[in-house]
Amino acid sequence: MILHLFRRMINLEELTLSIFVQERTLIDGTSLYNEIFVYMSRLNMFNFWICTDNMINNSIHHHLSEDDIQQTFTNIIFQQVECIINHFAHISQYHVFSLPFMFSCFDYIGNTFPTVIFNYVRILRVQDNVPFEHEFFIRIACSFPLLQQLTIKNVRPQSSLPDELNSNDNQLYSIVNYSYLISLCFEIVHHDYVEQFLDDTKHIYLV
C-alpha cells in the first residue's frame, strides 16, 4: 500500500521517511531505487531511517557486512548513508539511514555504531547480547550530546567495573556526563548498569 502512495507522488522534491519493518528481507539501496526513486524523477532530498528485522533462520542477509549494504546505495546521491547491523539471539536487525540523522528517536543500537554525531536524537534505546562496558557509555555521551531519554536493555554483566584506581590514586575511567538526560529506564538489565549510573563512584553523572 505505501509503495503505491509513493509512486503517485511523481512531483515530490523532498521526502522524509522513517519506517520499521518486521519479517521481511532487507530494504537496501537497490530496493529503494527500484521501488520508489524510479517513479520520483524530481526528488532531490531524501532523509530516511529504515529499520528491518527478521528471524536469523529466515534471513538470507545475515552474513552481509555494513560495507555490503552501503554499496547498494551508490545510486542514491542525495546524502551520505550509514548502516548499523545488530544480531540478537534470534533476530537480525538492520538500520540504514541518511546523514545527518534527522530523527529524534533511535531504537535499538548496540555496541557497534558509527562515529557520528546524532544532534537531533533525544530518545535512545540500547540493547546487545554482549556487555556494555564503560567506554560504550562514553561513546553514547559523545555521539548523542542532547540525549534526554535513555533506555538500557542488557542482561550481560560488565567484564570490568569502573571503580579501580591506579598507583597515583587517579581514576582509570573517564567521567561521563549526560547533561540533558531527564529519563533513565533500565528495561531488562544486569545490576551492573544500575550501579554504574546510580553510584557516584562509577564515574557517570547526570548533570
N, C-alpha and C. Protein backbone atom coordinates (compact mmCIF):
# COMPACT_ATOMS: atom_id res chain seq x y z
N MET A 1 0.82 -1.20 0.00
CA MET A 1 0.00 0.00 0.00
C MET A 1 0.86 1.26 0.00
N ILE A 2 1.88 1.31 0.87
CA ILE A 2 2.69 2.52 0.95
C ILE A 2 3.49 2.75 -0.33
N LEU A 3 3.89 1.68 -1.01
CA LEU A 3 4.61 1.84 -2.26
C LEU A 3 3.74 2.49 -3.32
N HIS A 4 2.48 2.13 -3.35
CA HIS A 4 1.56 2.74 -4.32
C HIS A 4 1.42 4.24 -4.07
N LEU A 5 1.43 4.65 -2.82
CA LEU A 5 1.35 6.07 -2.50
C LEU A 5 2.59 6.80 -2.99
N PHE A 6 3.76 6.23 -2.75
CA PHE A 6 4.99 6.86 -3.21
C PHE A 6 5.00 7.02 -4.72
N ARG A 7 4.55 6.01 -5.42
CA ARG A 7 4.62 6.02 -6.88
C ARG A 7 3.67 7.04 -7.49
N ARG A 8 2.73 7.53 -6.71
CA ARG A 8 1.82 8.56 -7.20
C ARG A 8 2.36 9.96 -6.94
N MET A 9 3.42 10.06 -6.14
CA MET A 9 3.98 11.38 -5.79
C MET A 9 5.09 11.74 -6.78
N ILE A 10 4.75 11.83 -8.03
CA ILE A 10 5.76 11.99 -9.08
C ILE A 10 6.40 13.37 -9.06
N ASN A 11 5.75 14.34 -8.44
CA ASN A 11 6.30 15.70 -8.40
C ASN A 11 7.00 16.02 -7.09
N LEU A 12 7.13 15.04 -6.23
CA LEU A 12 7.73 15.26 -4.92
C LEU A 12 9.21 15.61 -5.07
N GLU A 13 9.64 16.66 -4.36
CA GLU A 13 11.04 17.09 -4.41
C GLU A 13 11.80 16.76 -3.14
N GLU A 14 11.09 16.67 -2.02
CA GLU A 14 11.72 16.34 -0.74
C GLU A 14 10.91 15.26 -0.05
N LEU A 15 11.61 14.30 0.55
CA LEU A 15 10.93 13.20 1.24
C LEU A 15 11.69 12.87 2.52
N THR A 16 10.96 12.80 3.63
CA THR A 16 11.49 12.34 4.91
C THR A 16 10.74 11.08 5.30
N LEU A 17 11.48 10.00 5.51
CA LEU A 17 10.85 8.69 5.73
C LEU A 17 11.49 7.99 6.91
N SER A 18 10.66 7.58 7.86
CA SER A 18 11.09 6.74 8.98
C SER A 18 10.16 5.54 9.03
N ILE A 19 10.72 4.34 8.92
CA ILE A 19 9.87 3.16 8.84
C ILE A 19 10.57 1.97 9.50
N PHE A 20 9.79 1.19 10.22
CA PHE A 20 10.27 -0.03 10.86
C PHE A 20 9.50 -1.20 10.27
N VAL A 21 10.21 -2.17 9.72
CA VAL A 21 9.58 -3.28 9.02
C VAL A 21 10.02 -4.59 9.65
N GLN A 22 9.07 -5.44 9.96
CA GLN A 22 9.37 -6.75 10.54
C GLN A 22 9.08 -7.86 9.54
N GLU A 23 9.84 -8.94 9.69
CA GLU A 23 9.59 -10.17 8.94
C GLU A 23 9.58 -9.96 7.44
N ARG A 24 10.61 -9.28 6.95
CA ARG A 24 10.78 -9.19 5.51
C ARG A 24 12.27 -9.06 5.23
N THR A 25 12.62 -9.19 3.95
CA THR A 25 14.03 -9.09 3.58
C THR A 25 14.51 -7.65 3.73
N LEU A 26 15.79 -7.51 3.75
CA LEU A 26 16.42 -6.22 3.96
C LEU A 26 15.99 -5.20 2.91
N ILE A 27 15.63 -4.01 3.37
CA ILE A 27 15.37 -2.89 2.47
C ILE A 27 16.68 -2.13 2.30
N ASP A 28 17.31 -2.27 1.15
CA ASP A 28 18.59 -1.63 0.91
C ASP A 28 18.45 -0.59 -0.20
N GLY A 29 19.58 -0.06 -0.65
CA GLY A 29 19.54 0.97 -1.67
C GLY A 29 18.96 0.50 -2.98
N THR A 30 19.23 -0.74 -3.34
CA THR A 30 18.67 -1.28 -4.58
C THR A 30 17.15 -1.34 -4.51
N SER A 31 16.63 -1.78 -3.38
CA SER A 31 15.17 -1.84 -3.20
C SER A 31 14.55 -0.45 -3.30
N LEU A 32 15.16 0.53 -2.64
CA LEU A 32 14.62 1.89 -2.68
C LEU A 32 14.63 2.45 -4.09
N TYR A 33 15.71 2.20 -4.80
CA TYR A 33 15.81 2.75 -6.15
C TYR A 33 14.76 2.12 -7.08
N ASN A 34 14.63 0.81 -7.02
CA ASN A 34 13.72 0.12 -7.94
C ASN A 34 12.25 0.32 -7.59
N GLU A 35 11.96 0.49 -6.30
CA GLU A 35 10.56 0.55 -5.88
C GLU A 35 10.04 1.96 -5.66
N ILE A 36 10.95 2.94 -5.50
CA ILE A 36 10.49 4.30 -5.20
C ILE A 36 11.11 5.32 -6.15
N PHE A 37 12.44 5.39 -6.20
CA PHE A 37 13.09 6.51 -6.86
C PHE A 37 12.86 6.58 -8.36
N VAL A 38 12.69 5.44 -8.99
CA VAL A 38 12.46 5.47 -10.44
C VAL A 38 11.16 6.17 -10.78
N TYR A 39 10.26 6.31 -9.80
CA TYR A 39 8.98 6.98 -10.00
C TYR A 39 9.03 8.44 -9.56
N MET A 40 10.13 8.89 -8.99
CA MET A 40 10.23 10.24 -8.44
C MET A 40 11.42 10.96 -9.08
N SER A 41 11.27 11.35 -10.29
CA SER A 41 12.38 11.95 -11.03
C SER A 41 12.76 13.33 -10.50
N ARG A 42 11.87 13.99 -9.77
CA ARG A 42 12.14 15.33 -9.26
C ARG A 42 12.69 15.32 -7.83
N LEU A 43 12.79 14.17 -7.25
CA LEU A 43 13.25 14.09 -5.87
C LEU A 43 14.72 14.51 -5.77
N ASN A 44 14.98 15.51 -4.92
CA ASN A 44 16.37 15.97 -4.75
C ASN A 44 16.83 15.97 -3.30
N MET A 45 15.94 15.62 -2.38
CA MET A 45 16.34 15.50 -0.98
C MET A 45 15.58 14.34 -0.34
N PHE A 46 16.32 13.43 0.26
CA PHE A 46 15.71 12.24 0.86
C PHE A 46 16.38 11.97 2.20
N ASN A 47 15.67 12.29 3.28
CA ASN A 47 16.13 11.98 4.63
C ASN A 47 15.39 10.74 5.10
N PHE A 48 16.14 9.73 5.54
CA PHE A 48 15.46 8.48 5.85
C PHE A 48 16.15 7.73 6.97
N TRP A 49 15.36 6.91 7.62
CA TRP A 49 15.84 5.92 8.59
C TRP A 49 14.95 4.70 8.42
N ILE A 50 15.52 3.62 7.98
CA ILE A 50 14.77 2.39 7.73
C ILE A 50 15.37 1.28 8.58
N CYS A 51 14.53 0.66 9.39
CA CYS A 51 14.96 -0.45 10.23
C CYS A 51 14.21 -1.70 9.78
N THR A 52 14.95 -2.74 9.47
CA THR A 52 14.37 -4.01 9.05
C THR A 52 14.86 -5.10 9.99
N ASP A 53 13.94 -5.91 10.49
CA ASP A 53 14.41 -7.06 11.27
C ASP A 53 13.71 -8.33 10.82
N ASN A 54 14.39 -9.43 11.06
CA ASN A 54 13.89 -10.73 10.61
C ASN A 54 14.53 -11.81 11.46
N MET A 55 13.85 -12.94 11.55
CA MET A 55 14.45 -14.08 12.23
C MET A 55 15.70 -14.51 11.47
N ILE A 56 16.77 -14.78 12.20
CA ILE A 56 18.04 -15.13 11.55
C ILE A 56 17.88 -16.34 10.64
N ASN A 57 17.11 -17.33 11.05
CA ASN A 57 16.94 -18.53 10.24
C ASN A 57 16.18 -18.25 8.95
N ASN A 58 15.41 -17.13 8.94
CA ASN A 58 14.61 -16.81 7.76
C ASN A 58 15.30 -15.81 6.84
N SER A 59 16.42 -15.26 7.29
CA SER A 59 17.05 -14.18 6.55
C SER A 59 18.20 -14.70 5.69
N ILE A 60 18.21 -14.26 4.45
CA ILE A 60 19.32 -14.60 3.57
C ILE A 60 20.43 -13.55 3.66
N HIS A 61 20.19 -12.52 4.49
CA HIS A 61 21.12 -11.39 4.54
C HIS A 61 21.99 -11.40 5.78
N HIS A 62 21.88 -12.40 6.65
CA HIS A 62 22.53 -12.27 7.94
C HIS A 62 24.05 -12.40 7.87
N HIS A 63 24.59 -12.70 6.68
CA HIS A 63 26.05 -12.72 6.53
C HIS A 63 26.57 -11.46 5.84
N LEU A 64 25.68 -10.51 5.54
CA LEU A 64 26.11 -9.28 4.89
C LEU A 64 26.85 -8.39 5.88
N SER A 65 27.82 -7.65 5.38
CA SER A 65 28.53 -6.68 6.20
C SER A 65 27.92 -5.29 5.98
N GLU A 66 28.31 -4.35 6.82
CA GLU A 66 27.85 -2.98 6.64
C GLU A 66 28.32 -2.42 5.29
N ASP A 67 29.54 -2.75 4.89
CA ASP A 67 30.05 -2.29 3.60
C ASP A 67 29.23 -2.86 2.45
N ASP A 68 28.82 -4.13 2.55
CA ASP A 68 27.99 -4.74 1.52
C ASP A 68 26.70 -3.95 1.33
N ILE A 69 26.08 -3.59 2.44
CA ILE A 69 24.81 -2.88 2.37
C ILE A 69 25.02 -1.46 1.85
N GLN A 70 26.06 -0.78 2.31
CA GLN A 70 26.30 0.59 1.86
C GLN A 70 26.58 0.65 0.37
N GLN A 71 27.17 -0.40 -0.19
CA GLN A 71 27.44 -0.42 -1.63
C GLN A 71 26.16 -0.36 -2.45
N THR A 72 25.05 -0.81 -1.88
CA THR A 72 23.79 -0.79 -2.63
C THR A 72 23.22 0.62 -2.74
N PHE A 73 23.80 1.58 -2.03
CA PHE A 73 23.30 2.95 -2.05
C PHE A 73 24.11 3.84 -2.98
N THR A 74 24.90 3.28 -3.86
CA THR A 74 25.73 4.10 -4.74
C THR A 74 24.90 4.94 -5.69
N ASN A 75 23.67 4.52 -6.00
CA ASN A 75 22.81 5.30 -6.89
C ASN A 75 22.04 6.39 -6.18
N ILE A 76 22.14 6.44 -4.84
CA ILE A 76 21.43 7.46 -4.08
C ILE A 76 22.41 8.58 -3.80
N ILE A 77 22.23 9.70 -4.48
CA ILE A 77 23.24 10.75 -4.48
C ILE A 77 22.91 11.88 -3.53
N PHE A 78 21.79 11.78 -2.81
CA PHE A 78 21.33 12.92 -2.05
C PHE A 78 22.16 13.18 -0.80
N GLN A 79 22.37 12.15 0.01
CA GLN A 79 23.10 12.30 1.26
C GLN A 79 24.03 11.11 1.47
N GLN A 80 24.94 11.29 2.43
CA GLN A 80 25.76 10.17 2.88
C GLN A 80 24.87 9.17 3.62
N VAL A 81 25.19 7.89 3.49
CA VAL A 81 24.39 6.83 4.10
C VAL A 81 25.25 6.03 5.06
N GLU A 82 24.68 5.70 6.21
CA GLU A 82 25.34 4.83 7.18
C GLU A 82 24.46 3.62 7.46
N CYS A 83 25.09 2.60 8.02
CA CYS A 83 24.39 1.34 8.29
C CYS A 83 24.84 0.78 9.63
N ILE A 84 23.90 0.20 10.37
CA ILE A 84 24.20 -0.50 11.62
C ILE A 84 23.56 -1.87 11.54
N ILE A 85 24.31 -2.90 11.88
CA ILE A 85 23.80 -4.27 11.89
C ILE A 85 23.86 -4.80 13.32
N ASN A 86 22.74 -5.32 13.79
CA ASN A 86 22.68 -5.97 15.10
C ASN A 86 22.22 -7.41 14.91
N HIS A 87 22.91 -8.34 15.53
CA HIS A 87 22.47 -9.73 15.57
C HIS A 87 22.17 -10.08 17.02
N PHE A 88 20.89 -10.19 17.34
CA PHE A 88 20.48 -10.57 18.67
C PHE A 88 20.31 -12.09 18.72
N ALA A 89 19.65 -12.59 19.75
CA ALA A 89 19.58 -14.04 19.95
C ALA A 89 19.04 -14.76 18.72
N HIS A 90 17.92 -14.31 18.20
CA HIS A 90 17.31 -14.98 17.05
C HIS A 90 16.94 -14.00 15.94
N ILE A 91 17.35 -12.75 16.08
CA ILE A 91 16.90 -11.72 15.16
C ILE A 91 18.10 -10.97 14.59
N SER A 92 18.06 -10.74 13.29
CA SER A 92 19.00 -9.82 12.65
C SER A 92 18.27 -8.50 12.42
N GLN A 93 18.91 -7.41 12.79
CA GLN A 93 18.30 -6.10 12.65
C GLN A 93 19.24 -5.18 11.88
N TYR A 94 18.69 -4.48 10.90
CA TYR A 94 19.47 -3.63 10.03
C TYR A 94 18.91 -2.21 10.07
N HIS A 95 19.76 -1.26 10.40
CA HIS A 95 19.42 0.16 10.31
C HIS A 95 20.18 0.75 9.14
N VAL A 96 19.48 1.40 8.24
CA VAL A 96 20.13 2.21 7.21
C VAL A 96 19.53 3.61 7.30
N PHE A 97 20.39 4.61 7.23
CA PHE A 97 19.88 5.97 7.43
C PHE A 97 20.79 6.98 6.74
N SER A 98 20.20 8.10 6.40
CA SER A 98 20.94 9.19 5.78
C SER A 98 21.56 10.07 6.86
N LEU A 99 22.61 10.77 6.46
CA LEU A 99 23.28 11.71 7.35
C LEU A 99 23.15 13.12 6.79
N PRO A 100 22.95 14.11 7.66
CA PRO A 100 22.80 13.95 9.11
C PRO A 100 21.50 13.24 9.46
N PHE A 101 21.51 12.52 10.59
CA PHE A 101 20.34 11.79 11.06
C PHE A 101 19.34 12.81 11.59
N MET A 102 18.14 12.86 11.00
CA MET A 102 17.20 13.94 11.24
C MET A 102 16.09 13.60 12.23
N PHE A 103 16.16 12.45 12.86
CA PHE A 103 15.03 12.00 13.68
C PHE A 103 15.37 12.10 15.16
N SER A 104 14.32 12.23 15.98
CA SER A 104 14.52 12.49 17.41
C SER A 104 14.65 11.22 18.24
N CYS A 105 14.32 10.07 17.67
CA CYS A 105 14.34 8.81 18.40
C CYS A 105 15.16 7.78 17.64
N PHE A 106 15.90 6.94 18.38
CA PHE A 106 16.66 5.87 17.74
C PHE A 106 16.49 4.60 18.57
N ASP A 107 15.90 3.56 17.97
CA ASP A 107 15.73 2.23 18.57
C ASP A 107 16.39 1.21 17.64
N TYR A 108 16.87 0.16 18.08
CA TYR A 108 17.76 -0.06 19.19
C TYR A 108 19.14 -0.10 18.60
N ILE A 109 20.16 0.35 19.30
CA ILE A 109 21.52 0.17 18.84
C ILE A 109 22.30 -0.60 19.89
N GLY A 110 23.40 -1.22 19.46
CA GLY A 110 24.24 -1.99 20.36
C GLY A 110 25.63 -1.42 20.44
N ASN A 111 26.60 -2.26 20.75
CA ASN A 111 27.97 -1.81 20.93
C ASN A 111 28.58 -1.23 19.65
N THR A 112 28.10 -1.69 18.51
CA THR A 112 28.68 -1.26 17.24
C THR A 112 27.80 -0.20 16.59
N PHE A 113 28.31 1.00 16.51
CA PHE A 113 27.63 2.06 15.76
C PHE A 113 28.68 3.04 15.26
N PRO A 114 28.38 3.76 14.18
CA PRO A 114 29.40 4.60 13.54
C PRO A 114 29.78 5.80 14.40
N THR A 115 30.94 6.34 14.12
CA THR A 115 31.40 7.55 14.81
C THR A 115 30.74 8.75 14.15
N VAL A 116 29.52 9.01 14.57
CA VAL A 116 28.69 10.07 14.00
C VAL A 116 28.08 10.85 15.16
N ILE A 117 27.88 12.15 14.98
CA ILE A 117 27.20 12.96 15.98
C ILE A 117 25.72 13.03 15.62
N PHE A 118 24.88 12.50 16.50
CA PHE A 118 23.43 12.48 16.29
C PHE A 118 22.82 13.67 17.04
N ASN A 119 22.90 14.85 16.46
CA ASN A 119 22.49 16.06 17.16
C ASN A 119 20.99 16.16 17.38
N TYR A 120 20.19 15.45 16.60
CA TYR A 120 18.74 15.58 16.71
C TYR A 120 18.12 14.53 17.62
N VAL A 121 18.86 13.52 18.00
CA VAL A 121 18.29 12.42 18.79
C VAL A 121 18.12 12.84 20.24
N ARG A 122 16.90 12.69 20.74
CA ARG A 122 16.59 12.96 22.15
C ARG A 122 16.25 11.68 22.91
N ILE A 123 15.80 10.65 22.20
CA ILE A 123 15.36 9.40 22.82
C ILE A 123 16.17 8.25 22.21
N LEU A 124 16.82 7.47 23.06
CA LEU A 124 17.68 6.38 22.58
C LEU A 124 17.44 5.14 23.41
N ARG A 125 17.37 4.00 22.72
CA ARG A 125 17.29 2.70 23.39
C ARG A 125 18.47 1.86 22.93
N VAL A 126 19.17 1.26 23.89
CA VAL A 126 20.35 0.46 23.57
C VAL A 126 20.14 -0.96 24.05
N GLN A 127 20.62 -1.91 23.26
CA GLN A 127 20.43 -3.33 23.56
C GLN A 127 21.55 -4.12 22.90
N ASP A 128 22.01 -5.18 23.59
CA ASP A 128 23.02 -6.04 22.98
C ASP A 128 23.09 -7.35 23.74
N ASN A 129 23.73 -8.34 23.08
CA ASN A 129 23.96 -9.64 23.72
C ASN A 129 25.32 -9.71 24.39
N VAL A 130 26.13 -8.69 24.22
CA VAL A 130 27.43 -8.62 24.89
C VAL A 130 27.41 -7.40 25.81
N PRO A 131 28.27 -7.38 26.81
CA PRO A 131 28.18 -6.32 27.82
C PRO A 131 28.41 -4.92 27.25
N PHE A 132 27.78 -3.94 27.89
CA PHE A 132 28.11 -2.54 27.66
C PHE A 132 29.17 -2.14 28.68
N GLU A 133 30.38 -1.93 28.21
CA GLU A 133 31.44 -1.51 29.12
C GLU A 133 31.40 0.01 29.29
N HIS A 134 32.25 0.52 30.17
CA HIS A 134 32.25 1.95 30.47
C HIS A 134 32.51 2.78 29.21
N GLU A 135 33.38 2.28 28.33
CA GLU A 135 33.71 3.01 27.11
C GLU A 135 32.49 3.20 26.22
N PHE A 136 31.56 2.25 26.25
CA PHE A 136 30.34 2.37 25.46
C PHE A 136 29.55 3.60 25.88
N PHE A 137 29.42 3.83 27.16
CA PHE A 137 28.64 4.97 27.64
C PHE A 137 29.36 6.29 27.39
N ILE A 138 30.69 6.24 27.30
CA ILE A 138 31.43 7.43 26.87
C ILE A 138 31.07 7.76 25.42
N ARG A 139 31.06 6.75 24.57
CA ARG A 139 30.72 6.96 23.16
C ARG A 139 29.29 7.46 22.99
N ILE A 140 28.37 6.91 23.79
CA ILE A 140 26.98 7.36 23.71
C ILE A 140 26.88 8.83 24.07
N ALA A 141 27.55 9.24 25.15
CA ALA A 141 27.50 10.63 25.57
C ALA A 141 28.08 11.56 24.50
N CYS A 142 29.13 11.12 23.81
CA CYS A 142 29.74 11.94 22.76
C CYS A 142 28.91 11.98 21.49
N SER A 143 28.33 10.85 21.12
CA SER A 143 27.60 10.76 19.85
C SER A 143 26.18 11.30 19.94
N PHE A 144 25.62 11.31 21.15
CA PHE A 144 24.26 11.80 21.36
C PHE A 144 24.29 12.92 22.40
N PRO A 145 24.83 14.08 22.05
CA PRO A 145 25.11 15.12 23.05
C PRO A 145 23.87 15.74 23.67
N LEU A 146 22.71 15.67 23.03
CA LEU A 146 21.50 16.29 23.55
C LEU A 146 20.49 15.26 24.03
N LEU A 147 20.97 14.08 24.38
CA LEU A 147 20.10 12.98 24.77
C LEU A 147 19.31 13.33 26.04
N GLN A 148 17.99 13.04 25.98
CA GLN A 148 17.12 13.32 27.13
C GLN A 148 16.55 12.05 27.76
N GLN A 149 16.33 11.02 26.96
CA GLN A 149 15.78 9.78 27.48
C GLN A 149 16.63 8.60 27.01
N LEU A 150 17.06 7.77 27.95
CA LEU A 150 17.89 6.62 27.63
C LEU A 150 17.29 5.37 28.25
N THR A 151 17.10 4.34 27.43
CA THR A 151 16.62 3.04 27.89
C THR A 151 17.71 2.01 27.63
N ILE A 152 18.02 1.22 28.65
CA ILE A 152 19.09 0.22 28.56
C ILE A 152 18.49 -1.17 28.71
N LYS A 153 18.88 -2.06 27.81
CA LYS A 153 18.44 -3.46 27.86
C LYS A 153 19.66 -4.34 27.63
N ASN A 154 20.16 -4.97 28.69
CA ASN A 154 21.33 -5.83 28.57
C ASN A 154 21.47 -6.64 29.86
N VAL A 155 21.41 -7.95 29.74
CA VAL A 155 21.48 -8.81 30.93
C VAL A 155 22.89 -9.33 31.18
N ARG A 156 23.85 -8.92 30.35
CA ARG A 156 25.22 -9.41 30.50
C ARG A 156 25.99 -8.55 31.49
N PRO A 157 26.67 -9.15 32.46
CA PRO A 157 27.46 -8.35 33.40
C PRO A 157 28.67 -7.73 32.72
N GLN A 158 29.06 -6.58 33.22
CA GLN A 158 30.25 -5.92 32.69
C GLN A 158 31.49 -6.71 33.09
N SER A 159 32.45 -6.77 32.17
CA SER A 159 33.66 -7.53 32.46
C SER A 159 34.64 -6.75 33.31
N SER A 160 34.52 -5.42 33.27
CA SER A 160 35.39 -4.58 34.11
C SER A 160 34.56 -3.43 34.63
N LEU A 161 34.59 -3.24 35.93
CA LEU A 161 33.79 -2.18 36.54
C LEU A 161 34.67 -0.97 36.83
N PRO A 162 34.14 0.22 36.60
CA PRO A 162 34.94 1.44 36.71
C PRO A 162 35.12 1.93 38.13
N ASP A 163 35.69 1.11 39.01
CA ASP A 163 35.90 1.56 40.37
C ASP A 163 37.36 1.37 40.81
N GLU A 164 38.24 1.14 39.81
CA GLU A 164 39.63 0.91 40.13
C GLU A 164 40.42 2.21 40.15
N LEU A 165 41.49 2.23 40.91
CA LEU A 165 42.38 3.38 40.95
C LEU A 165 43.78 2.93 40.58
N ASN A 166 44.52 3.82 39.91
CA ASN A 166 45.89 3.45 39.59
C ASN A 166 46.81 3.81 40.75
N SER A 167 48.11 3.61 40.55
CA SER A 167 49.05 3.77 41.65
C SER A 167 49.14 5.21 42.14
N ASN A 168 48.74 6.17 41.29
CA ASN A 168 48.77 7.57 41.70
C ASN A 168 47.43 8.04 42.25
N ASP A 169 46.55 7.09 42.50
CA ASP A 169 45.23 7.39 43.05
C ASP A 169 44.38 8.22 42.10
N ASN A 170 44.63 8.07 40.79
CA ASN A 170 43.81 8.73 39.79
C ASN A 170 42.83 7.72 39.21
N GLN A 171 41.68 8.20 38.81
CA GLN A 171 40.68 7.31 38.27
C GLN A 171 41.12 6.81 36.90
N LEU A 172 41.01 5.49 36.70
CA LEU A 172 41.37 4.91 35.41
C LEU A 172 40.30 5.19 34.36
N TYR A 173 39.09 5.49 34.78
CA TYR A 173 37.99 5.65 33.85
C TYR A 173 37.57 7.11 33.75
N SER A 174 37.32 7.54 32.53
CA SER A 174 36.88 8.91 32.32
C SER A 174 35.49 9.12 32.90
N ILE A 175 35.26 10.33 33.37
CA ILE A 175 33.93 10.70 33.85
C ILE A 175 33.03 10.93 32.65
N VAL A 176 31.81 10.43 32.72
CA VAL A 176 30.83 10.57 31.65
C VAL A 176 29.71 11.48 32.14
N ASN A 177 29.42 12.53 31.38
CA ASN A 177 28.35 13.45 31.73
C ASN A 177 27.22 13.36 30.71
N TYR A 178 26.01 13.20 31.20
CA TYR A 178 24.81 13.28 30.37
C TYR A 178 24.06 14.54 30.80
N SER A 179 24.41 15.64 30.18
CA SER A 179 23.98 16.95 30.67
C SER A 179 22.49 17.21 30.52
N TYR A 180 21.84 16.57 29.56
CA TYR A 180 20.43 16.86 29.29
C TYR A 180 19.51 15.71 29.64
N LEU A 181 20.04 14.64 30.21
CA LEU A 181 19.23 13.45 30.46
C LEU A 181 18.22 13.71 31.58
N ILE A 182 16.95 13.43 31.28
CA ILE A 182 15.88 13.61 32.28
C ILE A 182 15.14 12.31 32.56
N SER A 183 15.39 11.27 31.77
CA SER A 183 14.71 9.99 31.96
C SER A 183 15.68 8.86 31.68
N LEU A 184 15.80 7.95 32.65
CA LEU A 184 16.68 6.78 32.53
C LEU A 184 15.88 5.54 32.88
N CYS A 185 15.79 4.61 31.93
CA CYS A 185 14.97 3.41 32.12
C CYS A 185 15.86 2.17 32.00
N PHE A 186 15.84 1.33 33.02
CA PHE A 186 16.51 0.03 32.97
C PHE A 186 15.44 -1.01 32.64
N GLU A 187 15.38 -1.39 31.37
CA GLU A 187 14.28 -2.25 30.92
C GLU A 187 14.47 -3.69 31.40
N ILE A 188 15.51 -4.33 30.93
CA ILE A 188 15.90 -5.67 31.40
C ILE A 188 17.42 -5.64 31.48
N VAL A 189 17.97 -5.54 32.69
CA VAL A 189 19.40 -5.28 32.81
C VAL A 189 20.03 -6.08 33.94
N HIS A 190 21.34 -6.27 33.82
CA HIS A 190 22.14 -6.75 34.94
C HIS A 190 22.33 -5.59 35.91
N HIS A 191 22.49 -5.89 37.18
CA HIS A 191 22.59 -4.83 38.19
C HIS A 191 23.82 -3.96 38.01
N ASP A 192 24.82 -4.42 37.23
CA ASP A 192 26.00 -3.59 36.99
C ASP A 192 25.63 -2.23 36.41
N TYR A 193 24.64 -2.21 35.52
CA TYR A 193 24.28 -0.96 34.84
C TYR A 193 23.54 -0.02 35.78
N VAL A 194 22.74 -0.57 36.65
CA VAL A 194 22.06 0.25 37.65
C VAL A 194 23.10 0.91 38.56
N GLU A 195 24.06 0.11 39.01
CA GLU A 195 25.10 0.65 39.89
C GLU A 195 25.94 1.70 39.17
N GLN A 196 26.21 1.46 37.89
CA GLN A 196 27.09 2.38 37.18
C GLN A 196 26.48 3.77 37.06
N PHE A 197 25.16 3.83 36.89
CA PHE A 197 24.51 5.12 36.75
C PHE A 197 24.12 5.75 38.08
N LEU A 198 23.82 4.95 39.07
CA LEU A 198 23.28 5.49 40.31
C LEU A 198 24.30 5.57 41.44
N ASP A 199 25.46 4.94 41.27
CA ASP A 199 26.52 5.01 42.27
C ASP A 199 27.53 6.07 41.84
N ASP A 200 27.71 7.11 42.63
CA ASP A 200 28.59 8.22 42.26
C ASP A 200 30.04 7.80 42.04
N THR A 201 30.44 6.69 42.60
CA THR A 201 31.83 6.26 42.44
C THR A 201 32.09 5.62 41.09
N LYS A 202 31.04 5.42 40.28
CA LYS A 202 31.19 4.73 39.00
C LYS A 202 31.46 5.69 37.84
N HIS A 203 31.51 7.00 38.12
CA HIS A 203 32.01 7.99 37.16
C HIS A 203 31.04 8.29 36.01
N ILE A 204 29.75 8.06 36.20
CA ILE A 204 28.75 8.54 35.25
C ILE A 204 27.86 9.52 35.99
N TYR A 205 27.73 10.73 35.44
CA TYR A 205 26.99 11.78 36.13
C TYR A 205 25.86 12.30 35.25
N LEU A 206 24.70 12.45 35.85
CA LEU A 206 23.54 13.02 35.18
C LEU A 206 23.44 14.47 35.65
N VAL A 207 24.09 15.36 34.93
CA VAL A 207 24.18 16.76 35.38
C VAL A 207 23.64 17.69 34.31
